[in-house]
Each structure stands twice: as structure tokens, then as C-alpha cells.
């Protein structure tokens, strides 16, 4: 255990992660100082009365005096005040680093542009089905430091690129990058390779690597020098864990072994079959019993706001994929659909400076109608100029759709953008969509075929 009592510690950010850091240090007899650039940070009322704080901007003299700065993931290391502190020799880390310094049980670390929450929850349910005590946190669920408050046999961390940037000690049992596609380009001005470099940090001290055999960007830089027993692969057609066919049915397979008929899973779509393969590979690495893994795969119904069927009525399916905050996720959602009629695709929000052109080939044809809303609606509408419907808000688009849908159609909210231009987060956007579905469908605006 590290003694923090003699250190001059500054915590930046007073949200749920920041307050977990403050509580962590206070429990170890240290009193950090706290900075938040907001004047009314969300957890200010939970701050102990003897902890000094500064609001509204960075207090640079505190940063330069510090021996340790702990920042929340949303704070960019490129801020001039932090760069000055780093040049002054101050150590700058995040809460995941603090967690990994303390933990003693095995850790599974999961990242990727898409699917990481689903895979994290799948592996968690596999372990739970086996009767294991499992702690899940990081970018999903609890802040990681709260997991230290009780004993777990296994920890599963979902990690974002932002969290990985500020983590040095990544001694985990197994690490995976599920996939890499363009995201957060507003945070990575040097482009995709800068974003990838942040993701690749997850492998630095992992015992075992689980890689996507069909996405070269997920491979460690030195993967050809890694012993095969430490490198496990998955993929649709290639990889140790892959999809195969038996008697005309698609199966999850390990090498030549049939594991589970894909029809037996409640989650649907090609992307979720790949997620299931990744989860099996991770579970096998830490020896979660196979029987428990298969039970979990049969029973797992997916996560809210992730390709979630909100309503199927009058032959129309309304699907909430609000978590699709980047182009890669929206591509996966479109490819997962089986269509009889028209796809009414809702795109919009803050694109984070992403390139939307990879969607262009997927949204052509008379069987797809585009509805573009929010901050980047005009750029999205350029995917099909003169055809896309442009609105200011999601609600406006939904009422237009309500007058057009027919039996056999699918209405899909898969925005390819962050929600922060008009909503607090993707969950709020998804909840708004659910409410609008109930309003629009109950009004029966659509005409019978």
C-alpha cells in the first residue's frame, strides 16, 4: 500500500469519479485539494468540509506545488496548466491507476470503440452464473475505486481511451481491444493513430492479450513477438473463437468445437455474435466454467439503449440504439438489421469532428430514409443530399416518421454522434426516444398497407 499522507495531492474534477478519488485519499489519511472548472460541480455537496477546493478555472499554483495530480477522464492532458505541471515533474494519473495499485484479485480490462459495455456485462454475467463474486466498474457502473470497498474474486473494467491515457500501471490478467474505428476526433487532433495509441496502452503489462483477428488496428505493436499462448484471437471468419455453420445453423465456435447455436441467444445481430465470441475468449482466459458462460449467453438480453427493441406493433419495429455515438457503431447497427420494408434511420448530435463518409454506401437506395437532427444535421444530410429530412430536434423527426411508417418498416435511432448538443447523455436521448415511440405509435399516424 502506498502512503499518500505526505503527498501534496490535487484532484481535478468533482463528478462521481472525482468524489471517489477524494474519498479514497481521505480513507488513507490524506487530504487532497480539489479543482473544478465549473462553478457548480455535481458532487460539491458531498465534499468533506475539511477539504479545500477551487472552482471556476485551474488554480495553477496548486498544480505546480503538487506532487500528485489525479484528473477525471474528461479533462484533457493537453491543457496548458497540466502541461506546465508535467514539465515541473508532477505525476498526473487517473482513478484507474489508483485502483490498480491497490487491487490483488485478477482484473479483466476491456476497451474498444464499440461493444465494450456489452462485452463487459456479458463476462460479468458469466462469472456471476458461476457463483463468483465479481466487481464491475470503470467506464460503466461504479467508479473503480468504489470496488475496493469489498472483496471480489474477479474485477472487470471497461476502459475508455481517456482513462487509458492517464493510467500507467496496467498489470491485468487479460486485456482486449474489441475494435477500433474513428471516435473522439475532437480530443485527438492528430487523427485515428493518436486515438489508437491511447487504446493500445491497455496491453502494456497484460498477461494475456485477446485481439480481434479481423481488425489489424487492435493488434499490439509487437504482436509477432508475443508467444502464442499469450495471444488469443476472435473474429467472424478467422481467429481461435469464430463463427461457423453446422446443419445450416450459425454457431459460436472455438477452433473446431461447437459452443452455442446463435439462435439460442436473445441478443441479435452480427455485431453481438462477435461480442459473444470476445466474451467467451475472455472468460476462458480466467477459467470461468464453460457451462456458466453458455447459460449467461442464452439469458443475456442486452443493455438499454444498445440496439434495444422498444416496441414492435402493427408490423413496425422501433429500435433504440442511442449508445451508437460513433460511425462504427451505427454501421454495425445497420448491418444487423433484417428488413422487409423501409428503414427510417435517425442520425444526429455532436459528431466530435468525425468523418461520416463511411456510412454513405450503407444509406443509399429507396429502402432507406434519413432523418438528420441536432448540431451536425447538415453534415449528416450530405450523405444523401436532396433526400434526407433535416430537423432541429429528435422529436420533430419522430413526428414526421409517424406519418410515414408502414407495416414491415423499422425505425432506428442510431445517431453516429454524441448526444451532448441537446441531451445530458446518451441515456437521456434514449429515454426521450422511448417516450416519443409511445406517443407516435399510439397516435397511429401511419397508414395501413
Protein backbone atom coordinates (compact mmCIF):
# COMPACT_ATOMS: atom_id res chain seq x y z
CA UNK A 1 0.00 0.00 0.00
CA UNK A 2 1.26 3.44 -0.92
CA UNK A 3 1.44 6.09 1.80
CA UNK A 4 -0.30 9.19 0.44
CA UNK A 5 -0.29 11.17 3.71
CA UNK A 6 2.92 13.05 2.99
CA UNK A 7 2.00 13.91 -0.61
CA UNK A 8 0.59 17.19 -1.89
CA UNK A 9 -2.39 15.87 -3.87
CA UNK A 10 -4.73 17.74 -6.18
CA UNK A 11 -7.89 16.13 -7.58
CA UNK A 12 -9.30 17.74 -10.73
CA UNK A 13 -13.00 17.20 -11.42
CA UNK A 14 -15.78 16.90 -8.89
CA UNK A 15 -18.16 14.45 -10.52
CA UNK A 16 -18.67 10.84 -9.42
CA UNK A 17 -15.10 9.90 -10.31
CA UNK A 18 -13.61 12.91 -8.58
CA UNK A 19 -15.52 12.39 -5.35
CA UNK A 20 -14.50 8.71 -5.33
CA UNK A 21 -10.87 9.88 -5.52
CA UNK A 22 -11.37 12.32 -2.64
CA UNK A 23 -12.97 9.59 -0.52
CA UNK A 24 -10.12 7.20 -1.43
CA UNK A 25 -7.47 9.61 -0.18
CA UNK A 26 -9.41 10.65 2.92
CA UNK A 27 -9.80 6.99 3.92
CA UNK A 28 -6.00 6.75 3.80
CA UNK A 29 -5.42 9.79 5.98
CA UNK A 30 -4.62 12.21 3.17
CA UNK A 31 -6.43 15.47 2.46
CA UNK A 32 -6.31 16.40 -1.23
CA UNK A 33 -7.19 19.80 -2.62
CA UNK A 34 -9.87 19.83 -5.33
CA UNK A 35 -10.26 21.88 -8.51
CA UNK A 36 -13.27 22.00 -10.82
CA UNK A 37 -13.62 24.42 -13.72
CA UNK A 38 -17.40 24.56 -13.16
CA UNK A 39 -18.78 26.91 -10.54
CA UNK A 40 -21.45 24.34 -9.54
CA UNK A 41 -19.90 20.85 -9.90
CA UNK A 42 -22.34 17.97 -9.35
CA UNK A 43 -20.74 16.50 -6.22
CA UNK A 44 -19.75 19.67 -4.38
CA UNK A 45 -22.25 19.00 -1.60
CA UNK A 46 -20.59 15.61 -0.94
CA UNK A 47 -17.14 17.08 -0.40
CA UNK A 48 -15.87 16.75 3.22
CA UNK A 49 -15.88 20.11 4.97
CA UNK A 50 -12.13 19.95 5.69
CA UNK A 51 -11.18 19.54 2.01
CA UNK A 52 -10.07 22.76 0.33
CA UNK A 53 -11.48 23.43 -3.15
CA UNK A 54 -11.25 25.92 -6.02
CA UNK A 55 -13.98 26.43 -8.63
CA UNK A 56 -14.29 28.14 -11.99
CA UNK A 57 -10.85 27.55 -13.51
CA UNK A 58 -7.50 25.86 -12.94
CA UNK A 59 -5.55 27.16 -9.94
CA UNK A 60 -2.11 26.84 -11.47
CA UNK A 61 -0.14 27.49 -8.28
CA UNK A 62 -1.79 24.41 -6.70
CA UNK A 63 -0.87 22.32 -9.72
CA UNK A 64 2.76 23.44 -9.70
CA UNK A 65 3.04 22.80 -5.93
CA UNK A 66 1.54 19.30 -6.19
CA UNK A 67 3.43 16.02 -6.02
CA UNK A 68 0.44 14.10 -7.45
CA UNK A 69 -2.45 15.24 -9.64
CA UNK A 70 -5.43 12.95 -10.21
CA UNK A 71 -7.66 14.04 -13.08
CA UNK A 72 -11.06 12.87 -14.23
CA UNK A 73 -11.12 11.30 -17.72
CA UNK A 74 -12.97 14.23 -19.24
CA UNK A 75 -10.04 16.55 -18.53
CA UNK A 76 -7.54 16.63 -21.41
CA UNK A 77 -3.84 16.26 -20.60
CA UNK A 78 -3.16 18.83 -23.31
CA UNK A 79 -4.44 21.69 -21.15
CA UNK A 80 -1.59 24.22 -20.75
CA UNK A 81 -1.86 24.18 -16.94
CA UNK A 82 -1.40 20.42 -16.86
CA UNK A 83 1.40 20.51 -19.40
CA UNK A 84 3.20 23.04 -17.20
CA UNK A 85 2.77 20.82 -14.14
CA UNK A 86 4.04 17.78 -16.05
CA UNK A 87 7.13 19.73 -17.16
CA UNK A 88 7.62 20.57 -13.48
CA UNK A 89 7.86 16.86 -12.71
CA UNK A 90 4.39 16.42 -11.21
CA UNK A 91 2.91 12.93 -11.65
CA UNK A 92 -0.53 13.06 -13.37
CA UNK A 93 -2.76 9.98 -13.25
CA UNK A 94 -6.40 8.91 -13.12
CA UNK A 95 -8.55 6.84 -10.79
CA UNK A 96 -7.87 3.59 -12.66
CA UNK A 97 -4.19 3.94 -11.81
CA UNK A 98 -5.07 4.36 -8.13
CA UNK A 99 -7.29 1.28 -8.30
CA UNK A 100 -4.70 -0.94 -9.97
CA UNK A 101 -2.11 0.00 -7.36
CA UNK A 102 -4.35 -1.47 -4.65
CA UNK A 103 -6.13 -4.45 -6.18
CA UNK A 104 -5.00 -8.04 -5.57
CA UNK A 105 -7.58 -10.16 -7.44
CA UNK A 106 -7.34 -10.77 -11.22
CA UNK A 107 -8.52 -7.94 -13.49
CA UNK A 108 -10.02 -8.16 -16.98
CA UNK A 109 -9.56 -4.90 -18.91
CA UNK A 110 -11.84 -4.20 -21.89
CA UNK A 111 -11.76 -1.35 -24.37
CA UNK A 112 -12.80 -0.69 -27.97
CA UNK A 113 -14.70 1.86 -29.98
CA UNK A 114 -17.89 -0.21 -29.83
CA UNK A 115 -19.33 -3.10 -27.85
CA UNK A 116 -17.24 -2.73 -24.71
CA UNK A 117 -20.19 -2.26 -22.35
CA UNK A 118 -21.97 -5.29 -23.79
CA UNK A 119 -18.88 -7.50 -23.52
CA UNK A 120 -18.17 -6.23 -20.01
CA UNK A 121 -21.66 -7.13 -18.86
CA UNK A 122 -21.59 -10.47 -20.66
CA UNK A 123 -18.39 -11.55 -18.90
CA UNK A 124 -19.78 -10.27 -15.61
CA UNK A 125 -22.92 -12.38 -16.01
CA UNK A 126 -20.81 -15.41 -16.95
CA UNK A 127 -18.82 -15.06 -13.73
CA UNK A 128 -21.97 -14.43 -11.70
CA UNK A 129 -23.60 -17.56 -13.16
CA UNK A 130 -20.57 -19.48 -11.94
CA UNK A 131 -21.15 -18.16 -8.42
CA UNK A 132 -18.16 -15.84 -8.46
CA UNK A 133 -18.05 -12.52 -6.64
CA UNK A 134 -17.37 -10.06 -9.41
CA UNK A 135 -16.82 -6.29 -9.36
CA UNK A 136 -17.61 -4.28 -12.49
CA UNK A 137 -16.60 -0.67 -12.97
CA UNK A 138 -14.53 1.92 -14.78
CA UNK A 139 -16.37 3.46 -17.69
CA UNK A 140 -19.52 1.55 -16.75
CA UNK A 141 -21.29 1.13 -13.43
CA UNK A 142 -19.35 2.19 -10.34
CA UNK A 143 -16.19 4.26 -10.34
CA UNK A 144 -13.37 1.75 -9.97
CA UNK A 145 -12.24 2.99 -6.55
CA UNK A 146 -15.62 2.13 -5.01
CA UNK A 147 -14.98 -1.52 -5.91
CA UNK A 148 -12.19 -1.58 -3.32
CA UNK A 149 -14.75 -1.31 -0.53
CA UNK A 150 -15.37 -5.06 -0.60
CA UNK A 151 -13.61 -8.21 -1.76
CA UNK A 152 -14.19 -9.62 -5.24
CA UNK A 153 -12.72 -12.73 -6.86
CA UNK A 154 -12.60 -11.00 -10.21
CA UNK A 155 -12.69 -7.41 -11.40
CA UNK A 156 -13.89 -6.42 -14.87
CA UNK A 157 -13.05 -2.91 -16.03
CA UNK A 158 -14.48 -1.18 -19.07
CA UNK A 159 -11.91 1.44 -20.02
CA UNK A 160 -12.19 4.40 -22.37
CA UNK A 161 -9.28 5.88 -24.30
CA UNK A 162 -9.46 8.87 -21.94
CA UNK A 163 -8.98 6.60 -18.91
CA UNK A 164 -6.14 4.72 -20.57
CA UNK A 165 -4.27 7.96 -21.31
CA UNK A 166 -3.87 8.60 -17.59
CA UNK A 167 -3.10 5.05 -16.45
CA UNK A 168 0.49 3.83 -16.16
CA UNK A 169 0.22 0.56 -14.24
CA UNK A 170 -1.88 -1.85 -16.30
CA UNK A 171 -0.88 -5.17 -14.75
CA UNK A 172 -4.05 -7.08 -15.60
CA UNK A 173 -4.76 -10.77 -16.15
CA UNK A 174 -6.16 -10.22 -19.63
CA UNK A 175 -6.74 -7.18 -21.84
CA UNK A 176 -8.68 -6.72 -25.06
CA UNK A 177 -9.36 -4.10 -27.68
CA UNK A 178 -12.59 -5.22 -29.35
CA UNK A 179 -12.32 -2.93 -32.36
CA UNK A 180 -11.05 0.48 -33.36
CA UNK A 181 -12.86 2.99 -35.52
CA UNK A 182 -12.78 6.77 -35.66
CA UNK A 183 -14.13 8.40 -32.50
CA UNK A 184 -13.44 11.43 -30.28
CA UNK A 185 -11.55 13.20 -33.06
CA UNK A 186 -12.18 16.46 -31.23
CA UNK A 187 -9.90 15.08 -28.47
CA UNK A 188 -7.33 13.56 -30.86
CA UNK A 189 -6.30 16.26 -33.35
CA UNK A 190 -3.60 14.03 -34.86
CA UNK A 191 -6.26 11.58 -36.02
CA UNK A 192 -7.00 7.88 -35.78
CA UNK A 193 -3.47 6.75 -34.95
CA UNK A 194 -3.34 9.05 -31.92
CA UNK A 195 -6.66 7.59 -30.72
CA UNK A 196 -5.34 4.07 -31.38
CA UNK A 197 -2.17 4.78 -29.40
CA UNK A 198 -4.31 5.57 -26.36
CA UNK A 199 -6.23 2.31 -26.78
CA UNK A 200 -3.05 0.24 -27.20
CA UNK A 201 -1.90 1.21 -23.70
CA UNK A 202 -4.26 -1.46 -22.39
CA UNK A 203 -1.83 -4.19 -23.48
CA UNK A 204 1.31 -2.77 -21.89
CA UNK A 205 1.52 -5.06 -18.87
CA UNK A 206 -1.26 -7.58 -19.57
CA UNK A 207 -0.51 -11.27 -19.07
CA UNK A 208 -2.80 -12.33 -21.93
CA UNK A 209 -3.93 -10.37 -25.00
CA UNK A 210 -7.32 -11.01 -26.63
CA UNK A 211 -7.36 -9.46 -30.10
CA UNK A 212 -9.78 -9.04 -32.98
CA UNK A 213 -8.21 -11.09 -35.79
CA UNK A 214 -10.16 -9.10 -38.38
CA UNK A 215 -9.24 -5.62 -37.13
CA UNK A 216 -5.48 -5.02 -37.53
CA UNK A 217 -5.75 -1.82 -35.51
CA UNK A 218 -6.45 -3.91 -32.37
CA UNK A 219 -3.15 -5.80 -32.61
CA UNK A 220 -0.33 -4.88 -30.22
CA UNK A 221 2.57 -3.14 -31.92
CA UNK A 222 4.91 -6.08 -31.23
CA UNK A 223 2.34 -8.87 -31.63
CA UNK A 224 4.61 -11.04 -33.84
CA UNK A 225 6.99 -11.37 -30.88
CA UNK A 226 4.29 -12.42 -28.40
CA UNK A 227 4.20 -16.13 -27.58
CA UNK A 228 1.08 -17.77 -28.99
CA UNK A 229 -0.05 -18.95 -25.58
CA UNK A 230 -0.39 -15.28 -24.54
CA UNK A 231 -2.23 -14.13 -27.67
CA UNK A 232 -5.85 -15.24 -28.21
CA UNK A 233 -7.91 -14.14 -31.20
CA UNK A 234 -11.56 -13.86 -32.16
CA UNK A 235 -13.35 -12.87 -35.36
CA UNK A 236 -16.25 -13.68 -37.63
CA UNK A 237 -14.31 -15.87 -40.05
CA UNK A 238 -10.84 -16.12 -38.52
CA UNK A 239 -9.46 -16.43 -35.02
CA UNK A 240 -9.48 -19.13 -32.38
CA UNK A 241 -13.03 -18.05 -31.48
CA UNK A 242 -15.12 -17.64 -34.63
CA UNK A 243 -18.49 -18.22 -36.30
CA UNK A 244 -19.16 -21.46 -38.14
CA UNK A 245 -22.01 -23.49 -39.59
CA UNK A 246 -23.49 -26.83 -38.64
CA UNK A 247 -26.61 -28.25 -40.33
CA UNK A 248 -27.34 -24.85 -41.82
CA UNK A 249 -27.22 -23.06 -38.44
CA UNK A 250 -24.65 -20.47 -37.37
CA UNK A 251 -22.66 -21.37 -34.25
CA UNK A 252 -20.20 -19.79 -31.88
CA UNK A 253 -17.07 -21.94 -32.13
CA UNK A 254 -13.65 -22.38 -30.56
CA UNK A 255 -11.35 -23.91 -33.13
CA UNK A 256 -13.44 -26.90 -34.32
CA UNK A 257 -15.58 -27.10 -31.16
CA UNK A 258 -19.25 -26.10 -31.41
CA UNK A 259 -20.07 -23.91 -28.41
CA UNK A 260 -23.55 -22.42 -28.89
CA UNK A 261 -26.12 -22.08 -31.65
CA UNK A 262 -26.51 -18.36 -32.33
CA UNK A 263 -30.29 -18.84 -32.46
CA UNK A 264 -30.16 -19.73 -28.77
CA UNK A 265 -29.02 -16.21 -27.83
CA UNK A 266 -31.52 -13.48 -27.02
CA UNK A 267 -29.26 -10.71 -28.32
CA UNK A 268 -29.36 -10.37 -32.09
CA UNK A 269 -27.17 -9.03 -34.86
CA UNK A 270 -23.80 -9.92 -36.32
CA UNK A 271 -22.04 -7.43 -34.03
CA UNK A 272 -23.47 -9.15 -30.96
CA UNK A 273 -22.30 -12.54 -32.21
CA UNK A 274 -18.78 -11.09 -32.36
CA UNK A 275 -19.27 -9.61 -28.88
CA UNK A 276 -20.24 -13.07 -27.63
CA UNK A 277 -17.06 -14.58 -29.10
CA UNK A 278 -14.94 -11.95 -27.39
CA UNK A 279 -16.69 -12.57 -24.07
CA UNK A 280 -16.09 -16.33 -24.34
CA UNK A 281 -12.41 -15.77 -25.09
CA UNK A 282 -12.03 -13.51 -22.04
CA UNK A 283 -13.96 -15.87 -19.79
CA UNK A 284 -11.90 -18.89 -20.83
CA UNK A 285 -8.70 -16.98 -20.09
CA UNK A 286 -9.62 -16.57 -16.42
CA UNK A 287 -11.20 -20.06 -16.23
CA UNK A 288 -14.87 -19.15 -15.77
CA UNK A 289 -16.63 -22.52 -16.18
CA UNK A 290 -17.91 -23.01 -19.72
CA UNK A 291 -21.35 -24.21 -18.56
CA UNK A 292 -21.93 -20.91 -16.72
CA UNK A 293 -20.76 -18.94 -19.75
CA UNK A 294 -23.26 -20.63 -22.04
CA UNK A 295 -26.11 -20.12 -19.56
CA UNK A 296 -25.27 -16.42 -19.44
CA UNK A 297 -25.17 -16.18 -23.25
CA UNK A 298 -28.60 -17.79 -23.53
CA UNK A 299 -30.16 -15.46 -20.95
CA UNK A 300 -28.45 -12.14 -21.69
CA UNK A 301 -30.99 -9.77 -23.25
CA UNK A 302 -28.66 -6.85 -23.94
CA UNK A 303 -28.24 -3.41 -22.43
CA UNK A 304 -30.57 -0.45 -22.51
CA UNK A 305 -30.04 1.99 -25.39
CA UNK A 306 -27.91 -0.55 -27.31
CA UNK A 307 -29.90 -1.88 -30.26
CA UNK A 308 -32.85 -2.16 -27.86
CA UNK A 309 -36.24 -3.12 -29.29
CA UNK A 310 -38.55 -0.55 -27.69
CA UNK A 311 -41.76 -1.62 -29.42
CA UNK A 312 -42.99 -3.97 -32.11
CA UNK A 313 -46.54 -3.05 -33.06
CA UNK A 314 -48.61 -3.12 -36.24
CA UNK A 315 -45.71 -4.76 -38.02
CA UNK A 316 -43.33 -1.87 -37.20
CA UNK A 317 -40.17 -2.21 -35.10
CA UNK A 318 -38.84 0.78 -33.15
CA UNK A 319 -35.20 0.29 -32.09
CA UNK A 320 -33.26 2.45 -29.61
CA UNK A 321 -29.53 2.43 -30.33
CA UNK A 322 -28.78 5.76 -28.66
CA UNK A 323 -25.43 4.41 -27.42
CA UNK A 324 -24.24 4.49 -31.06
CA UNK A 325 -22.16 7.62 -30.55
CA UNK A 326 -19.75 6.99 -33.43
CA UNK A 327 -19.83 5.91 -37.06
CA UNK A 328 -18.58 2.38 -36.40
CA UNK A 329 -21.42 1.64 -34.02
CA UNK A 330 -24.03 2.91 -36.47
CA UNK A 331 -22.52 0.78 -39.25
CA UNK A 332 -22.84 -2.28 -37.00
CA UNK A 333 -26.48 -1.46 -36.23
CA UNK A 334 -27.43 -1.06 -39.90
CA UNK A 335 -25.68 -4.31 -40.81
CA UNK A 336 -27.50 -6.14 -38.01
CA UNK A 337 -30.97 -5.35 -39.39
CA UNK A 338 -33.16 -7.70 -41.37
CA UNK A 339 -35.52 -5.56 -43.41
CA UNK A 340 -38.81 -6.27 -45.12
CA UNK A 341 -39.86 -2.68 -45.67
CA UNK A 342 -38.17 0.70 -45.23
CA UNK A 343 -35.53 1.66 -42.70
CA UNK A 344 -36.20 5.07 -41.15
CA UNK A 345 -32.76 5.97 -39.79
CA UNK A 346 -32.35 8.76 -37.24
CA UNK A 347 -28.89 10.37 -37.25
CA UNK A 348 -27.77 13.41 -35.29
CA UNK A 349 -25.99 15.15 -32.47
CA UNK A 350 -22.40 16.20 -31.98
CA UNK A 351 -20.21 14.21 -34.36
CA UNK A 352 -16.99 15.07 -32.47
CA UNK A 353 -15.36 16.05 -35.79
CA UNK A 354 -15.87 12.55 -37.18
CA UNK A 355 -15.82 11.66 -40.85
CA UNK A 356 -19.33 10.41 -41.71
CA UNK A 357 -18.47 9.21 -45.23
CA UNK A 358 -18.08 5.51 -44.26
CA UNK A 359 -21.87 5.50 -43.81
CA UNK A 360 -22.56 6.74 -47.33
CA UNK A 361 -22.71 3.37 -49.10
CA UNK A 362 -24.96 1.93 -46.37
CA UNK A 363 -27.67 4.58 -46.58
CA UNK A 364 -28.39 4.59 -50.31
CA UNK A 365 -31.48 3.17 -52.01
CA UNK A 366 -35.20 3.67 -51.77
CA UNK A 367 -35.47 1.27 -48.81
CA UNK A 368 -33.66 3.73 -46.50
CA UNK A 369 -34.89 7.15 -45.42
CA UNK A 370 -32.64 9.50 -43.44
CA UNK A 371 -33.74 11.92 -40.73
CA UNK A 372 -30.96 14.21 -39.51
CA UNK A 373 -31.25 16.34 -36.37
CA UNK A 374 -29.10 18.25 -33.92
CA UNK A 375 -25.81 20.09 -34.21
CA UNK A 376 -24.33 18.16 -37.17
CA UNK A 377 -27.56 17.53 -39.04
CA UNK A 378 -26.39 19.25 -42.22
CA UNK A 379 -23.17 17.25 -42.46
CA UNK A 380 -25.14 14.03 -41.95
CA UNK A 381 -27.72 15.04 -44.53
CA UNK A 382 -24.87 15.32 -47.05
CA UNK A 383 -24.77 11.51 -47.04
CA UNK A 384 -27.91 11.73 -49.20
CA UNK A 385 -28.34 15.35 -50.28
CA UNK A 386 -31.80 16.33 -51.55
CA UNK A 387 -33.26 13.17 -49.97
CA UNK A 388 -32.56 13.44 -46.22
CA UNK A 389 -35.09 15.09 -43.95
CA UNK A 390 -33.45 17.76 -41.77
CA UNK A 391 -34.95 18.82 -38.44
CA UNK A 392 -33.74 20.75 -35.42
CA UNK A 393 -34.78 18.12 -32.88
CA UNK A 394 -35.29 14.40 -32.50
CA UNK A 395 -38.94 14.98 -31.62
CA UNK A 396 -39.63 16.82 -34.88
CA UNK A 397 -38.11 13.97 -36.85
CA UNK A 398 -40.15 11.38 -34.97
CA UNK A 399 -43.47 13.07 -35.74
CA UNK A 400 -42.55 13.19 -39.41
CA UNK A 401 -41.72 9.49 -39.30
CA UNK A 402 -45.03 8.82 -37.58
CA UNK A 403 -46.83 9.93 -40.71
CA UNK A 404 -44.76 7.72 -43.00
CA UNK A 405 -44.17 4.33 -41.38
CA UNK A 406 -45.91 1.22 -42.67
CA UNK A 407 -46.06 -2.43 -41.63
CA UNK A 408 -42.69 -4.07 -42.27
CA UNK A 409 -40.73 -0.86 -41.57
CA UNK A 410 -38.02 -0.33 -38.95
CA UNK A 411 -37.40 2.95 -37.14
CA UNK A 412 -33.83 3.01 -35.85
CA UNK A 413 -32.26 5.66 -33.64
CA UNK A 414 -28.54 5.06 -34.21
CA UNK A 415 -27.19 8.61 -34.24
CA UNK A 416 -23.45 8.14 -35.00
CA UNK A 417 -22.93 11.16 -32.74
CA UNK A 418 -22.60 12.21 -29.14
CA UNK A 419 -25.81 13.43 -27.52
CA UNK A 420 -24.30 16.37 -25.67
CA UNK A 421 -25.55 19.06 -28.02
CA UNK A 422 -29.16 18.54 -26.91
CA UNK A 423 -29.18 15.92 -24.11
CA UNK A 424 -27.29 15.30 -20.88
CA UNK A 425 -26.03 11.93 -22.17
CA UNK A 426 -26.93 9.05 -24.48
CA UNK A 427 -29.25 7.62 -21.82
CA UNK A 428 -31.35 10.79 -21.76
CA UNK A 429 -31.52 10.72 -25.56
CA UNK A 430 -32.61 7.08 -25.50
CA UNK A 431 -35.27 7.75 -22.88
CA UNK A 432 -36.60 10.64 -24.97
CA UNK A 433 -36.80 8.31 -27.96
CA UNK A 434 -38.73 5.71 -25.95
CA UNK A 435 -41.29 8.31 -24.88
CA UNK A 436 -41.64 9.55 -28.43
CA UNK A 437 -42.13 6.00 -29.71
CA UNK A 438 -45.07 5.52 -27.36
CA UNK A 439 -46.57 8.87 -28.37
CA UNK A 440 -46.11 8.45 -32.11
CA UNK A 441 -47.17 4.81 -32.28
CA UNK A 442 -50.25 5.32 -30.10
CA UNK A 443 -51.38 8.21 -32.31
CA UNK A 444 -51.47 5.76 -35.23
CA UNK A 445 -50.23 8.33 -37.68
CA UNK A 446 -49.05 5.64 -40.03
CA UNK A 447 -51.38 4.32 -42.72
CA UNK A 448 -52.23 0.63 -43.24
CA UNK A 449 -50.55 -1.11 -46.15
